[in-house]
């Protein structure tokens, strides 16, 4: 299976949830061509919503950046070959206001 070939970059998920994410990604790659990023993301997101409750977001591709707010324990970024997968459960952003202090230039834009 492809789970063994996955390289986890960043995560705060419990090991069991990480394994679920890797398993679902491998399953998605069995169903869809590696170039069908949207279908892969949709499959992983819907399966995680079903298994772990609604609110999951999934981004799949070979070249993307991100800056997201997520619930604690609900974030993983990993790669399978050249394909990167970001899976997280969204947060209300209550703590995000504190992060604005790290980017003072953003305050002048608002």
C-alpha atoms as a PDB file:
ATOM      1  CA  UNK A   1       0.000   0.000   0.000  1.00  0.00           C
ATOM      2  CA  UNK A   2       1.052   3.603  -0.452  1.00  0.00           C
ATOM      3  CA  UNK A   3       0.799   4.500   3.251  1.00  0.00           C
ATOM      4  CA  UNK A   4       4.354   3.213   3.711  1.00  0.00           C
ATOM      5  CA  UNK A   5       5.550   5.653   1.064  1.00  0.00           C
ATOM      6  CA  UNK A   6       3.909   8.665   2.712  1.00  0.00           C
ATOM      7  CA  UNK A   7       6.151  11.241   4.356  1.00  0.00           C
ATOM      8  CA  UNK A   8       4.441  13.217   7.113  1.00  0.00           C
ATOM      9  CA  UNK A   9       5.631  16.826   7.219  1.00  0.00           C
ATOM     10  CA  UNK A  10       3.656  18.462  10.020  1.00  0.00           C
ATOM     11  CA  UNK A  11       0.874  17.120  12.185  1.00  0.00           C
ATOM     12  CA  UNK A  12      -0.740  17.476  15.579  1.00  0.00           C
ATOM     13  CA  UNK A  13      -3.109  14.519  15.061  1.00  0.00           C
ATOM     14  CA  UNK A  14      -3.168  11.427  17.231  1.00  0.00           C
ATOM     15  CA  UNK A  15      -1.403   8.482  15.622  1.00  0.00           C
ATOM     16  CA  UNK A  16      -4.660   6.629  14.905  1.00  0.00           C
ATOM     17  CA  UNK A  17      -6.128   9.611  13.046  1.00  0.00           C
ATOM     18  CA  UNK A  18      -2.874  10.046  11.107  1.00  0.00           C
ATOM     19  CA  UNK A  19      -3.064   6.426  10.001  1.00  0.00           C
ATOM     20  CA  UNK A  20      -6.670   6.977   8.927  1.00  0.00           C
ATOM     21  CA  UNK A  21      -5.594   9.965   6.796  1.00  0.00           C
ATOM     22  CA  UNK A  22      -2.769   7.989   5.167  1.00  0.00           C
ATOM     23  CA  UNK A  23      -5.052   5.001   4.538  1.00  0.00           C
ATOM     24  CA  UNK A  24      -7.738   7.179   2.932  1.00  0.00           C
ATOM     25  CA  UNK A  25      -5.176   8.939   0.744  1.00  0.00           C
ATOM     26  CA  UNK A  26      -3.873   5.579  -0.469  1.00  0.00           C
ATOM     27  CA  UNK A  27      -7.447   4.433  -1.110  1.00  0.00           C
ATOM     28  CA  UNK A  28      -8.178   7.638  -3.048  1.00  0.00           C
ATOM     29  CA  UNK A  29      -5.097   7.042  -5.188  1.00  0.00           C
ATOM     30  CA  UNK A  30      -6.389   3.540  -5.932  1.00  0.00           C
ATOM     31  CA  UNK A  31      -9.677   5.045  -7.190  1.00  0.00           C
ATOM     32  CA  UNK A  32      -8.416   8.182  -8.945  1.00  0.00           C
ATOM     33  CA  UNK A  33      -5.504   9.132 -11.171  1.00  0.00           C
ATOM     34  CA  UNK A  34      -2.788  11.142  -9.420  1.00  0.00           C
ATOM     35  CA  UNK A  35      -3.666  14.096 -11.699  1.00  0.00           C
ATOM     36  CA  UNK A  36      -7.265  14.213 -10.371  1.00  0.00           C
ATOM     37  CA  UNK A  37      -6.404  16.369  -7.351  1.00  0.00           C
ATOM     38  CA  UNK A  38      -9.953  17.640  -6.832  1.00  0.00           C
ATOM     39  CA  UNK A  39     -11.451  14.140  -6.819  1.00  0.00           C
ATOM     40  CA  UNK A  40      -8.773  12.926  -4.397  1.00  0.00           C
ATOM     41  CA  UNK A  41      -9.398  15.886  -2.075  1.00  0.00           C
ATOM     42  CA  UNK A  42     -13.186  15.428  -2.248  1.00  0.00           C
ATOM     43  CA  UNK A  43     -12.886  11.717  -1.409  1.00  0.00           C
ATOM     44  CA  UNK A  44     -10.599  12.290   1.593  1.00  0.00           C
ATOM     45  CA  UNK A  45     -12.693  15.228   2.896  1.00  0.00           C
ATOM     46  CA  UNK A  46     -16.011  13.365   2.649  1.00  0.00           C
ATOM     47  CA  UNK A  47     -14.612  10.238   4.298  1.00  0.00           C
ATOM     48  CA  UNK A  48     -13.093  12.291   7.144  1.00  0.00           C
ATOM     49  CA  UNK A  49     -16.380  14.194   7.592  1.00  0.00           C
ATOM     50  CA  UNK A  50     -18.172  10.853   7.858  1.00  0.00           C
ATOM     51  CA  UNK A  51     -15.663   9.285  10.252  1.00  0.00           C
ATOM     52  CA  UNK A  52     -14.644  12.290  12.375  1.00  0.00           C
ATOM     53  CA  UNK A  53     -17.517  14.777  12.108  1.00  0.00           C
ATOM     54  CA  UNK A  54     -18.126  17.657   9.687  1.00  0.00           C
ATOM     55  CA  UNK A  55     -15.867  20.611   9.005  1.00  0.00           C
ATOM     56  CA  UNK A  56     -12.816  18.975   7.411  1.00  0.00           C
ATOM     57  CA  UNK A  57     -10.962  20.685   4.578  1.00  0.00           C
ATOM     58  CA  UNK A  58      -8.579  18.948   2.171  1.00  0.00           C
ATOM     59  CA  UNK A  59      -6.120  20.433  -0.306  1.00  0.00           C
ATOM     60  CA  UNK A  60      -4.262  18.191  -2.744  1.00  0.00           C
ATOM     61  CA  UNK A  61      -1.664  19.173  -5.311  1.00  0.00           C
ATOM     62  CA  UNK A  62       1.958  19.357  -6.314  1.00  0.00           C
ATOM     63  CA  UNK A  63       2.557  23.052  -5.621  1.00  0.00           C
ATOM     64  CA  UNK A  64       0.526  25.137  -3.179  1.00  0.00           C
ATOM     65  CA  UNK A  65       0.973  27.364  -0.171  1.00  0.00           C
ATOM     66  CA  UNK A  66      -1.343  27.687   2.782  1.00  0.00           C
ATOM     67  CA  UNK A  67      -1.993  29.586   5.970  1.00  0.00           C
ATOM     68  CA  UNK A  68      -4.883  28.053   7.854  1.00  0.00           C
ATOM     69  CA  UNK A  69      -6.528  28.119  11.258  1.00  0.00           C
ATOM     70  CA  UNK A  70      -7.354  24.648  12.511  1.00  0.00           C
ATOM     71  CA  UNK A  71      -8.740  22.902  15.554  1.00  0.00           C
ATOM     72  CA  UNK A  72      -6.157  21.468  17.910  1.00  0.00           C
ATOM     73  CA  UNK A  73      -5.340  17.854  17.065  1.00  0.00           C
ATOM     74  CA  UNK A  74      -6.884  18.142  13.594  1.00  0.00           C
ATOM     75  CA  UNK A  75      -4.047  18.982  11.190  1.00  0.00           C
ATOM     76  CA  UNK A  76      -1.807  16.909   8.946  1.00  0.00           C
ATOM     77  CA  UNK A  77       0.370  17.720   5.949  1.00  0.00           C
ATOM     78  CA  UNK A  78       1.997  14.810   4.146  1.00  0.00           C
ATOM     79  CA  UNK A  79       3.351  13.797   0.759  1.00  0.00           C
ATOM     80  CA  UNK A  80       2.988  10.652  -1.278  1.00  0.00           C
ATOM     81  CA  UNK A  81       5.556  10.919  -4.027  1.00  0.00           C
ATOM     82  CA  UNK A  82       5.239  14.398  -5.533  1.00  0.00           C
ATOM     83  CA  UNK A  83       1.626  14.799  -4.355  1.00  0.00           C
ATOM     84  CA  UNK A  84       1.127  16.904  -1.218  1.00  0.00           C
ATOM     85  CA  UNK A  85      -1.983  16.553   0.939  1.00  0.00           C
ATOM     86  CA  UNK A  86      -3.143  19.022   3.568  1.00  0.00           C
ATOM     87  CA  UNK A  87      -6.041  17.886   5.737  1.00  0.00           C
ATOM     88  CA  UNK A  88      -7.428  19.917   8.612  1.00  0.00           C
ATOM     89  CA  UNK A  89     -10.585  20.683  10.529  1.00  0.00           C
ATOM     90  CA  UNK A  90     -11.414  24.376  10.396  1.00  0.00           C
ATOM     91  CA  UNK A  91     -11.516  26.561  13.465  1.00  0.00           C
ATOM     92  CA  UNK A  92     -13.484  29.683  14.306  1.00  0.00           C
ATOM     93  CA  UNK A  93     -10.245  31.651  14.403  1.00  0.00           C
ATOM     94  CA  UNK A  94     -10.641  32.961  17.944  1.00  0.00           C
ATOM     95  CA  UNK A  95      -6.880  32.770  18.432  1.00  0.00           C
ATOM     96  CA  UNK A  96      -6.097  34.103  14.963  1.00  0.00           C
ATOM     97  CA  UNK A  97      -6.451  37.720  16.091  1.00  0.00           C
ATOM     98  CA  UNK A  98      -3.399  37.258  18.312  1.00  0.00           C
ATOM     99  CA  UNK A  99      -1.384  36.076  15.287  1.00  0.00           C
ATOM    100  CA  UNK A 100      -1.933  39.411  13.510  1.00  0.00           C
ATOM    101  CA  UNK A 101       0.734  40.923  15.783  1.00  0.00           C
ATOM    102  CA  UNK A 102       3.305  38.872  13.863  1.00  0.00           C
ATOM    103  CA  UNK A 103       2.392  40.705  10.652  1.00  0.00           C
ATOM    104  CA  UNK A 104       2.128  44.432  11.440  1.00  0.00           C
ATOM    105  CA  UNK A 105       1.956  45.304   7.717  1.00  0.00           C
ATOM    106  CA  UNK A 106      -1.412  43.509   7.517  1.00  0.00           C
ATOM    107  CA  UNK A 107      -2.940  46.001   9.956  1.00  0.00           C
ATOM    108  CA  UNK A 108      -2.298  48.851   7.533  1.00  0.00           C
ATOM    109  CA  UNK A 109      -4.116  46.968   4.763  1.00  0.00           C
ATOM    110  CA  UNK A 110      -7.296  46.473   6.777  1.00  0.00           C
END
